[in-house]
Amino acid sequence: RPYVKFLQLWMCEGMVWDDWCEFNISPHPEWLSNKDYLYWQYGYTERDGVKLPGFLSDLSEQLVNTGKLINLLRLCVPKHPLNQSKFQPPEVPITFHDDNIKRILGKWA
């Protein structure tokens, strides 16, 4: 559950909530106020030695870029509607139980 919460905060709000440095995204505050390539290159990077779970490993670059884009929008266009509203991300249940998988797939069919 903490991992899913981290992903939701990062992908929907651009927030890094990682007191124990367990996740693969590392913020670098000294670069976060830049509005140029320095922000994109150095503001948030993938943490060395921290791997994504296997089912997310092919999405590593996209996951990092999503949070970066949310933050860059907030930095460059603070009055943009996406920055003004409290977006409620959908609940993403993670389960490996057959009954739950069937129920979830039934909702999306």
N, C-alpha and C. Protein backbone atom coordinates (compact mmCIF):
# COMPACT_ATOMS: atom_id res chain seq x y z
N ARG A 1 0.82 -1.21 0.00
CA ARG A 1 0.00 0.00 0.00
C ARG A 1 0.86 1.27 0.00
N PRO A 2 1.96 1.35 0.76
CA PRO A 2 2.78 2.56 0.70
C PRO A 2 3.33 2.83 -0.70
N TYR A 3 3.67 1.78 -1.43
CA TYR A 3 4.21 1.98 -2.78
C TYR A 3 3.17 2.58 -3.70
N VAL A 4 1.94 2.09 -3.62
CA VAL A 4 0.86 2.62 -4.45
C VAL A 4 0.59 4.08 -4.09
N LYS A 5 0.62 4.40 -2.80
CA LYS A 5 0.43 5.78 -2.35
C LYS A 5 1.52 6.69 -2.91
N PHE A 6 2.76 6.21 -2.87
CA PHE A 6 3.86 6.97 -3.44
C PHE A 6 3.62 7.24 -4.92
N LEU A 7 3.26 6.21 -5.67
CA LEU A 7 3.02 6.38 -7.10
C LEU A 7 1.88 7.36 -7.37
N GLN A 8 0.81 7.27 -6.59
CA GLN A 8 -0.31 8.20 -6.77
C GLN A 8 0.12 9.64 -6.51
N LEU A 9 0.83 9.86 -5.42
CA LEU A 9 1.29 11.22 -5.11
C LEU A 9 2.22 11.75 -6.19
N TRP A 10 3.11 10.92 -6.67
CA TRP A 10 4.06 11.34 -7.69
C TRP A 10 3.37 11.62 -9.02
N MET A 11 2.55 10.71 -9.48
CA MET A 11 1.97 10.82 -10.81
C MET A 11 0.82 11.82 -10.88
N CYS A 12 0.11 12.05 -9.78
CA CYS A 12 -1.04 12.96 -9.80
C CYS A 12 -0.73 14.33 -9.22
N GLU A 13 0.26 14.42 -8.32
CA GLU A 13 0.56 15.70 -7.68
C GLU A 13 2.02 16.11 -7.80
N GLY A 14 2.86 15.21 -8.31
CA GLY A 14 4.28 15.52 -8.44
C GLY A 14 5.01 15.60 -7.12
N MET A 15 4.48 14.93 -6.10
CA MET A 15 5.10 14.97 -4.77
C MET A 15 5.92 13.72 -4.52
N VAL A 16 7.09 13.91 -3.93
CA VAL A 16 7.92 12.78 -3.51
C VAL A 16 7.77 12.64 -2.00
N TRP A 17 7.16 11.56 -1.59
CA TRP A 17 6.95 11.25 -0.17
C TRP A 17 7.73 9.97 0.11
N ASP A 18 9.00 10.13 0.52
CA ASP A 18 9.89 8.99 0.62
C ASP A 18 10.93 9.23 1.72
N ASP A 19 10.48 9.21 2.96
CA ASP A 19 11.37 9.47 4.09
C ASP A 19 12.52 8.48 4.20
N TRP A 20 12.33 7.27 3.70
CA TRP A 20 13.33 6.22 3.86
C TRP A 20 14.14 5.96 2.60
N CYS A 21 13.95 6.79 1.57
CA CYS A 21 14.67 6.63 0.29
C CYS A 21 14.50 5.23 -0.30
N GLU A 22 13.27 4.76 -0.28
CA GLU A 22 12.99 3.41 -0.78
C GLU A 22 12.56 3.40 -2.24
N PHE A 23 12.18 4.52 -2.77
CA PHE A 23 11.62 4.55 -4.11
C PHE A 23 12.65 5.07 -5.10
N ASN A 24 12.37 4.92 -6.38
CA ASN A 24 13.40 5.17 -7.38
C ASN A 24 13.52 6.64 -7.82
N ILE A 25 12.74 7.53 -7.24
CA ILE A 25 12.80 8.94 -7.66
C ILE A 25 13.44 9.78 -6.56
N SER A 26 14.43 10.55 -6.96
CA SER A 26 15.16 11.36 -6.00
C SER A 26 15.05 12.83 -6.38
N PRO A 27 14.51 13.69 -5.49
CA PRO A 27 14.44 15.12 -5.79
C PRO A 27 15.76 15.81 -5.46
N HIS A 28 16.05 16.86 -6.19
CA HIS A 28 17.25 17.66 -5.97
C HIS A 28 16.81 19.13 -5.87
N PRO A 29 16.49 19.58 -4.64
CA PRO A 29 15.89 20.92 -4.43
C PRO A 29 16.66 22.07 -5.06
N GLU A 30 17.97 21.95 -5.15
CA GLU A 30 18.75 23.06 -5.69
C GLU A 30 18.44 23.34 -7.17
N TRP A 31 17.81 22.40 -7.87
CA TRP A 31 17.48 22.57 -9.29
C TRP A 31 15.99 22.80 -9.54
N LEU A 32 15.17 22.68 -8.52
CA LEU A 32 13.72 22.66 -8.74
C LEU A 32 13.10 24.01 -9.07
N SER A 33 13.78 25.10 -8.85
CA SER A 33 13.20 26.41 -9.19
C SER A 33 13.58 26.86 -10.60
N ASN A 34 14.43 26.12 -11.27
CA ASN A 34 14.81 26.46 -12.64
C ASN A 34 13.66 26.21 -13.61
N LYS A 35 13.55 27.08 -14.62
CA LYS A 35 12.50 26.92 -15.63
C LYS A 35 13.14 26.61 -16.98
N ASP A 36 14.18 25.83 -16.98
CA ASP A 36 14.88 25.49 -18.21
C ASP A 36 15.32 24.03 -18.17
N TYR A 37 16.24 23.68 -19.06
CA TYR A 37 16.67 22.29 -19.15
C TYR A 37 17.31 21.79 -17.85
N LEU A 38 17.81 22.68 -17.00
CA LEU A 38 18.42 22.25 -15.74
C LEU A 38 17.40 21.57 -14.83
N TYR A 39 16.17 22.12 -14.81
CA TYR A 39 15.10 21.46 -14.05
C TYR A 39 14.89 20.05 -14.57
N TRP A 40 14.72 19.96 -15.90
CA TRP A 40 14.40 18.65 -16.48
C TRP A 40 15.55 17.67 -16.30
N GLN A 41 16.76 18.13 -16.45
CA GLN A 41 17.92 17.24 -16.37
C GLN A 41 18.25 16.82 -14.94
N TYR A 42 18.13 17.74 -13.98
CA TYR A 42 18.65 17.48 -12.64
C TYR A 42 17.63 17.56 -11.49
N GLY A 43 16.45 18.14 -11.72
CA GLY A 43 15.48 18.35 -10.64
C GLY A 43 15.03 17.06 -9.96
N TYR A 44 14.74 16.06 -10.76
CA TYR A 44 14.35 14.74 -10.25
C TYR A 44 15.09 13.71 -11.08
N THR A 45 15.72 12.79 -10.42
CA THR A 45 16.43 11.73 -11.13
C THR A 45 16.06 10.38 -10.54
N GLU A 46 16.41 9.35 -11.28
CA GLU A 46 16.21 8.01 -10.75
C GLU A 46 17.32 7.71 -9.76
N ARG A 47 16.93 7.20 -8.62
CA ARG A 47 17.87 6.90 -7.54
C ARG A 47 18.71 5.67 -7.92
N ASP A 48 20.02 5.80 -7.81
CA ASP A 48 20.93 4.68 -8.11
C ASP A 48 20.67 3.51 -7.17
N GLY A 49 20.62 2.33 -7.74
CA GLY A 49 20.50 1.12 -6.94
C GLY A 49 19.10 0.77 -6.49
N VAL A 50 18.10 1.61 -6.83
CA VAL A 50 16.72 1.33 -6.44
C VAL A 50 15.96 0.96 -7.70
N LYS A 51 15.45 -0.25 -7.73
CA LYS A 51 14.75 -0.76 -8.91
C LYS A 51 13.24 -0.73 -8.69
N LEU A 52 12.53 -0.52 -9.78
CA LEU A 52 11.08 -0.62 -9.75
C LEU A 52 10.68 -2.09 -9.69
N PRO A 53 9.49 -2.37 -9.17
CA PRO A 53 9.00 -3.75 -9.23
C PRO A 53 8.94 -4.20 -10.70
N GLY A 54 9.09 -5.48 -10.92
CA GLY A 54 9.16 -6.02 -12.28
C GLY A 54 8.04 -5.59 -13.19
N PHE A 55 6.81 -5.51 -12.68
CA PHE A 55 5.68 -5.16 -13.54
C PHE A 55 5.69 -3.69 -13.95
N LEU A 56 6.54 -2.87 -13.33
CA LEU A 56 6.66 -1.45 -13.69
C LEU A 56 7.99 -1.13 -14.38
N SER A 57 8.89 -2.08 -14.45
CA SER A 57 10.25 -1.79 -14.91
C SER A 57 10.31 -1.20 -16.31
N ASP A 58 9.40 -1.59 -17.20
CA ASP A 58 9.41 -1.03 -18.55
C ASP A 58 8.87 0.40 -18.60
N LEU A 59 8.28 0.86 -17.51
CA LEU A 59 7.65 2.19 -17.47
C LEU A 59 8.48 3.21 -16.69
N SER A 60 9.68 2.88 -16.34
CA SER A 60 10.50 3.73 -15.48
C SER A 60 10.61 5.16 -15.99
N GLU A 61 10.98 5.35 -17.23
CA GLU A 61 11.15 6.70 -17.78
C GLU A 61 9.82 7.46 -17.79
N GLN A 62 8.74 6.79 -18.17
CA GLN A 62 7.44 7.44 -18.21
C GLN A 62 6.98 7.85 -16.81
N LEU A 63 7.23 7.02 -15.81
CA LEU A 63 6.85 7.34 -14.44
C LEU A 63 7.60 8.57 -13.94
N VAL A 64 8.89 8.61 -14.17
CA VAL A 64 9.69 9.76 -13.75
C VAL A 64 9.22 11.03 -14.46
N ASN A 65 9.00 10.93 -15.77
CA ASN A 65 8.60 12.11 -16.55
C ASN A 65 7.21 12.62 -16.17
N THR A 66 6.31 11.74 -15.77
CA THR A 66 4.96 12.18 -15.40
C THR A 66 5.00 13.14 -14.23
N GLY A 67 5.68 12.78 -13.16
CA GLY A 67 5.80 13.66 -12.00
C GLY A 67 6.54 14.95 -12.33
N LYS A 68 7.57 14.84 -13.16
CA LYS A 68 8.31 16.03 -13.58
C LYS A 68 7.39 17.01 -14.31
N LEU A 69 6.57 16.47 -15.20
CA LEU A 69 5.66 17.33 -15.97
C LEU A 69 4.64 18.02 -15.07
N ILE A 70 4.10 17.29 -14.11
CA ILE A 70 3.15 17.89 -13.17
C ILE A 70 3.80 19.05 -12.44
N ASN A 71 5.02 18.84 -11.97
CA ASN A 71 5.73 19.90 -11.25
C ASN A 71 6.13 21.06 -12.15
N LEU A 72 6.52 20.77 -13.36
CA LEU A 72 6.91 21.84 -14.29
C LEU A 72 5.70 22.70 -14.64
N LEU A 73 4.55 22.08 -14.81
CA LEU A 73 3.32 22.84 -15.04
C LEU A 73 3.03 23.75 -13.85
N ARG A 74 3.18 23.24 -12.64
CA ARG A 74 2.95 24.04 -11.43
C ARG A 74 3.94 25.21 -11.35
N LEU A 75 5.17 24.97 -11.74
CA LEU A 75 6.21 26.00 -11.69
C LEU A 75 5.99 27.09 -12.76
N CYS A 76 5.66 26.68 -13.97
CA CYS A 76 5.58 27.62 -15.08
C CYS A 76 4.21 28.26 -15.25
N VAL A 77 3.15 27.54 -14.88
CA VAL A 77 1.79 28.05 -15.06
C VAL A 77 1.00 27.80 -13.77
N PRO A 78 1.33 28.51 -12.71
CA PRO A 78 0.71 28.22 -11.41
C PRO A 78 -0.80 28.37 -11.38
N LYS A 79 -1.37 29.18 -12.28
CA LYS A 79 -2.82 29.37 -12.29
C LYS A 79 -3.55 28.42 -13.24
N HIS A 80 -2.84 27.47 -13.79
CA HIS A 80 -3.47 26.49 -14.68
C HIS A 80 -4.53 25.72 -13.89
N PRO A 81 -5.67 25.42 -14.51
CA PRO A 81 -6.75 24.71 -13.80
C PRO A 81 -6.31 23.40 -13.13
N LEU A 82 -5.38 22.70 -13.73
CA LEU A 82 -4.91 21.46 -13.10
C LEU A 82 -4.21 21.72 -11.77
N ASN A 83 -3.65 22.91 -11.63
CA ASN A 83 -2.98 23.26 -10.39
C ASN A 83 -3.93 23.82 -9.34
N GLN A 84 -5.11 24.23 -9.75
CA GLN A 84 -6.06 24.86 -8.83
C GLN A 84 -7.02 23.88 -8.18
N SER A 85 -7.29 22.81 -8.86
CA SER A 85 -8.27 21.86 -8.32
C SER A 85 -7.56 20.73 -7.60
N LYS A 86 -8.27 20.16 -6.67
CA LYS A 86 -7.74 18.99 -5.96
C LYS A 86 -8.20 17.75 -6.72
N PHE A 87 -7.31 17.24 -7.52
CA PHE A 87 -7.61 16.05 -8.31
C PHE A 87 -7.61 14.84 -7.38
N GLN A 88 -8.68 14.07 -7.43
CA GLN A 88 -8.76 12.85 -6.64
C GLN A 88 -8.39 11.68 -7.54
N PRO A 89 -7.20 11.12 -7.36
CA PRO A 89 -6.82 10.00 -8.22
C PRO A 89 -7.71 8.79 -7.95
N PRO A 90 -7.94 7.99 -8.97
CA PRO A 90 -8.75 6.79 -8.75
C PRO A 90 -8.01 5.82 -7.84
N GLU A 91 -8.74 5.09 -7.07
CA GLU A 91 -8.14 4.05 -6.24
C GLU A 91 -7.68 2.93 -7.15
N VAL A 92 -6.45 2.52 -6.99
CA VAL A 92 -5.89 1.45 -7.81
C VAL A 92 -5.64 0.25 -6.91
N PRO A 93 -6.55 -0.71 -6.92
CA PRO A 93 -6.34 -1.88 -6.08
C PRO A 93 -5.28 -2.79 -6.70
N ILE A 94 -4.41 -3.26 -5.87
CA ILE A 94 -3.40 -4.22 -6.32
C ILE A 94 -3.67 -5.51 -5.59
N THR A 95 -3.85 -6.54 -6.36
CA THR A 95 -4.19 -7.82 -5.77
C THR A 95 -3.69 -8.95 -6.67
N PHE A 96 -3.50 -10.10 -6.07
CA PHE A 96 -3.13 -11.27 -6.84
C PHE A 96 -4.11 -12.42 -6.61
N HIS A 97 -5.21 -12.13 -5.94
CA HIS A 97 -6.22 -13.15 -5.68
C HIS A 97 -7.14 -13.25 -6.89
N ASP A 98 -7.39 -14.48 -7.36
CA ASP A 98 -8.19 -14.69 -8.57
C ASP A 98 -9.55 -14.03 -8.52
N ASP A 99 -10.26 -14.12 -7.39
CA ASP A 99 -11.60 -13.54 -7.30
C ASP A 99 -11.56 -12.02 -7.47
N ASN A 100 -10.56 -11.38 -6.86
CA ASN A 100 -10.44 -9.92 -6.99
C ASN A 100 -10.06 -9.51 -8.40
N ILE A 101 -9.19 -10.28 -9.04
CA ILE A 101 -8.80 -9.97 -10.42
C ILE A 101 -10.01 -10.08 -11.33
N LYS A 102 -10.83 -11.11 -11.17
CA LYS A 102 -12.04 -11.27 -11.99
C LYS A 102 -13.01 -10.11 -11.76
N ARG A 103 -13.18 -9.70 -10.51
CA ARG A 103 -14.07 -8.59 -10.19
C ARG A 103 -13.58 -7.30 -10.83
N ILE A 104 -12.28 -7.03 -10.73
CA ILE A 104 -11.71 -5.82 -11.32
C ILE A 104 -11.84 -5.85 -12.84
N LEU A 105 -11.52 -6.98 -13.44
CA LEU A 105 -11.63 -7.08 -14.90
C LEU A 105 -13.07 -6.92 -15.35
N GLY A 106 -14.03 -7.41 -14.55
CA GLY A 106 -15.44 -7.25 -14.88
C GLY A 106 -15.86 -5.79 -14.93
N LYS A 107 -15.27 -4.95 -14.07
CA LYS A 107 -15.59 -3.53 -14.07
C LYS A 107 -15.08 -2.83 -15.33
N TRP A 108 -13.99 -3.34 -15.89
CA TRP A 108 -13.36 -2.69 -17.05
C TRP A 108 -13.81 -3.29 -18.36
N ALA A 109 -14.55 -4.37 -18.32
CA ALA A 109 -14.97 -5.04 -19.58
C ALA A 109 -16.09 -4.32 -20.26
